[in-house]
N, C-alpha and C. Protein backbone atom coordinates (compact mmCIF):
# COMPACT_ATOMS: atom_id res chain seq x y z
N MET A 1 56.33 232.06 -30.91
CA MET A 1 56.07 230.81 -30.24
C MET A 1 57.15 229.80 -30.63
N ALA A 2 57.48 229.75 -31.92
CA ALA A 2 58.49 228.79 -32.38
C ALA A 2 59.83 229.07 -31.73
N TRP A 3 60.22 230.34 -31.64
CA TRP A 3 61.50 230.69 -31.02
C TRP A 3 61.49 230.28 -29.55
N ALA A 4 60.42 230.64 -28.84
CA ALA A 4 60.34 230.33 -27.41
C ALA A 4 60.35 228.82 -27.18
N ALA A 5 59.68 228.07 -28.03
CA ALA A 5 59.69 226.61 -27.91
C ALA A 5 61.08 226.05 -28.19
N SER A 6 61.78 226.63 -29.17
CA SER A 6 63.12 226.14 -29.50
C SER A 6 64.11 226.40 -28.38
N LYS A 7 63.83 227.37 -27.53
CA LYS A 7 64.70 227.71 -26.39
C LYS A 7 64.19 227.08 -25.09
N ASN A 8 63.14 226.24 -25.18
CA ASN A 8 62.52 225.59 -24.02
C ASN A 8 61.94 226.60 -23.03
N ILE A 9 61.52 227.75 -23.53
CA ILE A 9 60.87 228.75 -22.69
C ILE A 9 59.39 228.39 -22.54
N VAL A 10 58.81 227.88 -23.59
CA VAL A 10 57.44 227.37 -23.55
C VAL A 10 57.46 225.94 -24.05
N ALA A 11 56.58 225.13 -23.50
CA ALA A 11 56.55 223.72 -23.89
C ALA A 11 55.17 223.28 -24.35
N GLY A 12 54.19 224.12 -24.20
CA GLY A 12 52.84 223.75 -24.59
C GLY A 12 52.17 222.90 -23.53
N TYR A 13 51.03 222.39 -23.89
CA TYR A 13 50.25 221.55 -22.98
C TYR A 13 50.75 220.11 -23.05
N ASP A 14 50.29 219.29 -22.14
CA ASP A 14 50.69 217.89 -22.08
C ASP A 14 50.38 217.14 -23.39
N ASN A 15 49.36 217.58 -24.12
CA ASN A 15 49.00 216.90 -25.37
C ASN A 15 49.81 217.40 -26.56
N GLY A 16 50.81 218.27 -26.31
CA GLY A 16 51.69 218.74 -27.36
C GLY A 16 51.21 219.97 -28.11
N THR A 17 50.05 220.48 -27.75
CA THR A 17 49.53 221.67 -28.42
C THR A 17 49.88 222.92 -27.63
N PHE A 18 49.76 224.05 -28.30
CA PHE A 18 49.95 225.35 -27.67
C PHE A 18 48.60 226.08 -27.69
N GLY A 19 48.44 227.00 -26.80
CA GLY A 19 47.21 227.79 -26.75
C GLY A 19 47.55 229.27 -26.81
N PRO A 20 48.04 229.76 -27.96
CA PRO A 20 48.50 231.14 -28.02
C PRO A 20 47.43 232.18 -27.69
N ASN A 21 46.17 231.82 -27.79
CA ASN A 21 45.11 232.76 -27.47
C ASN A 21 44.51 232.51 -26.09
N ASP A 22 45.03 231.51 -25.38
CA ASP A 22 44.54 231.21 -24.04
C ASP A 22 45.10 232.22 -23.04
N PRO A 23 44.32 232.59 -22.04
CA PRO A 23 44.88 233.47 -21.00
C PRO A 23 45.97 232.73 -20.21
N LEU A 24 47.00 233.45 -19.80
CA LEU A 24 48.08 232.86 -19.01
C LEU A 24 47.72 232.88 -17.53
N THR A 25 48.04 231.80 -16.85
CA THR A 25 47.89 231.79 -15.41
C THR A 25 49.15 232.41 -14.79
N ARG A 26 49.12 232.68 -13.52
CA ARG A 26 50.32 233.18 -12.84
C ARG A 26 51.43 232.14 -12.89
N GLU A 27 51.07 230.87 -12.75
CA GLU A 27 52.07 229.80 -12.85
C GLU A 27 52.75 229.83 -14.22
N GLN A 28 51.97 229.91 -15.25
CA GLN A 28 52.52 229.93 -16.60
C GLN A 28 53.39 231.18 -16.82
N THR A 29 52.89 232.31 -16.34
CA THR A 29 53.64 233.57 -16.48
C THR A 29 54.98 233.45 -15.76
N ALA A 30 54.96 232.96 -14.52
CA ALA A 30 56.19 232.81 -13.75
C ALA A 30 57.14 231.85 -14.45
N ALA A 31 56.63 230.74 -14.97
CA ALA A 31 57.47 229.75 -15.64
C ALA A 31 58.11 230.33 -16.91
N ILE A 32 57.35 231.06 -17.69
CA ILE A 32 57.89 231.65 -18.92
C ILE A 32 58.98 232.66 -18.59
N LEU A 33 58.73 233.54 -17.63
CA LEU A 33 59.74 234.54 -17.27
C LEU A 33 60.97 233.89 -16.64
N TYR A 34 60.76 232.85 -15.84
CA TYR A 34 61.85 232.10 -15.21
C TYR A 34 62.76 231.48 -16.27
N ARG A 35 62.14 230.82 -17.24
CA ARG A 35 62.92 230.17 -18.30
C ARG A 35 63.60 231.19 -19.21
N PHE A 36 62.90 232.30 -19.48
CA PHE A 36 63.50 233.36 -20.29
C PHE A 36 64.71 233.95 -19.57
N ALA A 37 64.58 234.18 -18.26
CA ALA A 37 65.71 234.69 -17.48
C ALA A 37 66.89 233.73 -17.55
N GLN A 38 66.62 232.44 -17.49
CA GLN A 38 67.70 231.46 -17.59
C GLN A 38 68.38 231.53 -18.96
N VAL A 39 67.59 231.64 -20.02
CA VAL A 39 68.15 231.75 -21.37
C VAL A 39 69.01 233.00 -21.49
N GLN A 40 68.62 234.07 -20.79
CA GLN A 40 69.37 235.32 -20.83
C GLN A 40 70.59 235.29 -19.91
N GLY A 41 70.78 234.20 -19.19
CA GLY A 41 71.93 234.06 -18.31
C GLY A 41 71.77 234.77 -16.98
N LEU A 42 70.54 235.09 -16.62
CA LEU A 42 70.29 235.74 -15.33
C LEU A 42 70.27 234.70 -14.21
N ASP A 43 70.57 235.15 -13.02
CA ASP A 43 70.58 234.26 -11.86
C ASP A 43 69.14 233.95 -11.45
N THR A 44 68.77 232.70 -11.50
CA THR A 44 67.42 232.29 -11.09
C THR A 44 67.48 231.38 -9.87
N ASN A 45 68.58 231.45 -9.14
CA ASN A 45 68.74 230.59 -7.96
C ASN A 45 67.98 231.08 -6.75
N ALA A 46 67.62 232.36 -6.71
CA ALA A 46 66.91 232.90 -5.56
C ALA A 46 65.56 232.20 -5.43
N SER A 47 65.26 231.76 -4.24
CA SER A 47 63.99 231.08 -4.02
C SER A 47 63.62 231.16 -2.56
N THR A 48 62.35 231.16 -2.31
CA THR A 48 61.84 231.20 -0.95
C THR A 48 60.62 230.31 -0.86
N SER A 49 60.29 229.95 0.33
CA SER A 49 59.10 229.15 0.56
C SER A 49 57.86 229.99 0.27
N LEU A 50 56.85 229.34 -0.21
CA LEU A 50 55.57 230.02 -0.45
C LEU A 50 54.66 229.88 0.76
N SER A 51 55.22 229.52 1.90
CA SER A 51 54.42 229.24 3.09
C SER A 51 53.62 230.45 3.57
N GLY A 52 53.98 231.64 3.16
CA GLY A 52 53.23 232.82 3.56
C GLY A 52 51.94 233.00 2.78
N PHE A 53 51.72 232.15 1.80
CA PHE A 53 50.52 232.25 0.97
C PHE A 53 49.55 231.15 1.33
N SER A 54 48.30 231.52 1.52
CA SER A 54 47.29 230.55 1.94
C SER A 54 47.06 229.45 0.90
N ASP A 55 47.39 229.73 -0.35
CA ASP A 55 47.16 228.74 -1.40
C ASP A 55 48.45 228.06 -1.87
N GLN A 56 49.45 228.03 -1.01
CA GLN A 56 50.74 227.44 -1.40
C GLN A 56 50.61 226.02 -1.93
N ASP A 57 49.67 225.26 -1.41
CA ASP A 57 49.51 223.87 -1.84
C ASP A 57 48.84 223.75 -3.21
N ASP A 58 48.33 224.87 -3.73
CA ASP A 58 47.69 224.86 -5.04
C ASP A 58 48.68 225.03 -6.18
N VAL A 59 49.92 225.42 -5.86
CA VAL A 59 50.93 225.60 -6.90
C VAL A 59 51.33 224.22 -7.40
N GLN A 60 51.24 224.03 -8.70
CA GLN A 60 51.58 222.74 -9.28
C GLN A 60 53.09 222.52 -9.24
N GLU A 61 53.48 221.26 -9.15
CA GLU A 61 54.89 220.89 -9.00
C GLU A 61 55.78 221.49 -10.09
N TRP A 62 55.31 221.45 -11.33
CA TRP A 62 56.12 221.94 -12.45
C TRP A 62 56.39 223.44 -12.35
N ALA A 63 55.53 224.17 -11.64
CA ALA A 63 55.65 225.62 -11.54
C ALA A 63 56.32 226.08 -10.25
N LEU A 64 56.55 225.17 -9.32
CA LEU A 64 57.04 225.56 -7.99
C LEU A 64 58.35 226.34 -8.03
N PRO A 65 59.41 225.87 -8.70
CA PRO A 65 60.65 226.66 -8.70
C PRO A 65 60.45 228.05 -9.30
N ALA A 66 59.66 228.12 -10.36
CA ALA A 66 59.42 229.42 -11.01
C ALA A 66 58.62 230.34 -10.11
N MET A 67 57.61 229.83 -9.44
CA MET A 67 56.80 230.66 -8.54
C MET A 67 57.64 231.13 -7.36
N GLU A 68 58.47 230.23 -6.79
CA GLU A 68 59.33 230.62 -5.67
C GLU A 68 60.31 231.71 -6.11
N TRP A 69 60.88 231.57 -7.30
CA TRP A 69 61.79 232.59 -7.84
C TRP A 69 61.05 233.90 -8.10
N ALA A 70 59.86 233.81 -8.67
CA ALA A 70 59.09 235.02 -8.99
C ALA A 70 58.71 235.78 -7.72
N VAL A 71 58.36 235.08 -6.67
CA VAL A 71 58.03 235.74 -5.40
C VAL A 71 59.29 236.34 -4.78
N THR A 72 60.37 235.57 -4.75
CA THR A 72 61.63 236.05 -4.17
C THR A 72 62.15 237.26 -4.92
N SER A 73 61.99 237.26 -6.23
CA SER A 73 62.48 238.36 -7.07
C SER A 73 61.57 239.57 -7.07
N GLY A 74 60.41 239.44 -6.44
CA GLY A 74 59.48 240.56 -6.38
C GLY A 74 58.62 240.71 -7.63
N LEU A 75 58.61 239.70 -8.48
CA LEU A 75 57.77 239.78 -9.67
C LEU A 75 56.31 239.57 -9.32
N ILE A 76 56.07 238.64 -8.42
CA ILE A 76 54.71 238.32 -7.98
C ILE A 76 54.67 238.47 -6.47
N SER A 77 53.72 239.26 -6.00
CA SER A 77 53.64 239.46 -4.56
C SER A 77 52.37 238.89 -3.96
N GLY A 78 51.52 238.35 -4.79
CA GLY A 78 50.30 237.76 -4.27
C GLY A 78 49.17 238.76 -4.20
N THR A 79 48.02 238.24 -3.85
CA THR A 79 46.81 239.05 -3.70
C THR A 79 46.12 238.60 -2.42
N ASP A 80 44.95 239.13 -2.17
CA ASP A 80 44.22 238.66 -1.00
C ASP A 80 43.77 237.21 -1.17
N LEU A 81 43.96 236.66 -2.37
CA LEU A 81 43.66 235.26 -2.63
C LEU A 81 44.89 234.38 -2.49
N GLY A 82 46.01 234.96 -2.09
CA GLY A 82 47.27 234.22 -2.01
C GLY A 82 48.06 234.50 -3.27
N THR A 83 48.74 233.47 -3.78
CA THR A 83 49.46 233.66 -5.04
C THR A 83 48.49 233.55 -6.21
N ASP A 84 47.34 232.90 -5.98
CA ASP A 84 46.34 232.67 -7.02
C ASP A 84 47.02 232.09 -8.26
N ALA A 85 47.84 231.07 -8.02
CA ALA A 85 48.73 230.51 -9.04
C ALA A 85 48.02 230.08 -10.31
N SER A 86 46.89 229.44 -10.18
CA SER A 86 46.22 228.93 -11.37
C SER A 86 45.20 229.92 -11.93
N GLY A 87 45.05 231.05 -11.25
CA GLY A 87 44.12 232.07 -11.73
C GLY A 87 44.74 232.97 -12.77
N GLY A 88 43.91 233.64 -13.48
CA GLY A 88 44.39 234.62 -14.45
C GLY A 88 44.78 235.90 -13.73
N ARG A 89 45.24 236.85 -14.49
CA ARG A 89 45.53 238.14 -13.90
C ARG A 89 45.03 239.20 -14.83
N SER A 90 44.77 240.37 -14.26
CA SER A 90 44.27 241.47 -15.07
C SER A 90 45.41 242.06 -15.89
N ARG A 91 45.06 242.92 -16.81
CA ARG A 91 46.09 243.61 -17.60
C ARG A 91 47.00 244.41 -16.69
N ALA A 92 46.42 245.04 -15.68
CA ALA A 92 47.21 245.85 -14.75
C ALA A 92 48.19 244.97 -13.98
N GLN A 93 47.73 243.81 -13.51
CA GLN A 93 48.62 242.90 -12.79
C GLN A 93 49.74 242.40 -13.70
N MET A 94 49.41 242.07 -14.94
CA MET A 94 50.43 241.61 -15.88
C MET A 94 51.43 242.72 -16.16
N ALA A 95 50.96 243.95 -16.26
CA ALA A 95 51.87 245.09 -16.48
C ALA A 95 52.84 245.22 -15.32
N VAL A 96 52.36 245.05 -14.11
CA VAL A 96 53.24 245.13 -12.93
C VAL A 96 54.26 244.01 -12.94
N ILE A 97 53.83 242.80 -13.25
CA ILE A 97 54.75 241.66 -13.31
C ILE A 97 55.85 241.92 -14.35
N LEU A 98 55.45 242.38 -15.53
CA LEU A 98 56.44 242.65 -16.58
C LEU A 98 57.35 243.81 -16.22
N MET A 99 56.81 244.85 -15.59
CA MET A 99 57.64 245.97 -15.15
C MET A 99 58.66 245.50 -14.12
N ASN A 100 58.20 244.69 -13.16
CA ASN A 100 59.11 244.15 -12.16
C ASN A 100 60.20 243.29 -12.80
N PHE A 101 59.82 242.51 -13.79
CA PHE A 101 60.80 241.67 -14.50
C PHE A 101 61.84 242.53 -15.21
N CYS A 102 61.38 243.55 -15.90
CA CYS A 102 62.32 244.43 -16.62
C CYS A 102 63.28 245.11 -15.65
N GLN A 103 62.77 245.51 -14.49
CA GLN A 103 63.66 246.13 -13.48
C GLN A 103 64.66 245.13 -12.96
N GLN A 104 64.27 243.87 -12.82
CA GLN A 104 65.20 242.83 -12.36
C GLN A 104 66.29 242.59 -13.41
N MET A 105 65.93 242.67 -14.68
CA MET A 105 66.89 242.45 -15.75
C MET A 105 67.94 243.57 -15.79
N ASP A 106 67.55 244.74 -15.33
CA ASP A 106 68.48 245.88 -15.33
C ASP A 106 69.52 245.80 -14.21
N LYS A 107 69.30 244.94 -13.25
CA LYS A 107 70.22 244.85 -12.10
C LYS A 107 71.47 244.12 -12.45
């Protein structure tokens, strides 16, 4: 956590605390991977509109660039609930997101 905070990959909550045992939302997951990719020098300029998702308006402003990048990069493809940005994800969904991220890093 300290390393990730020192690299601005994680910033914690608005009150300055971290929730290391809290479940990650899709927004948080996308933001962490987006910032990590930037630290690694990967291209994070790819972005697309989230207009194809019924819940596009639910994505918070701070997470929008990361969510757009994650969708464009194929890390997050949505569910029947849309992007479900503020929702949690199952272990299987997280495994797919991380696998997709690792494949993107290999390119």
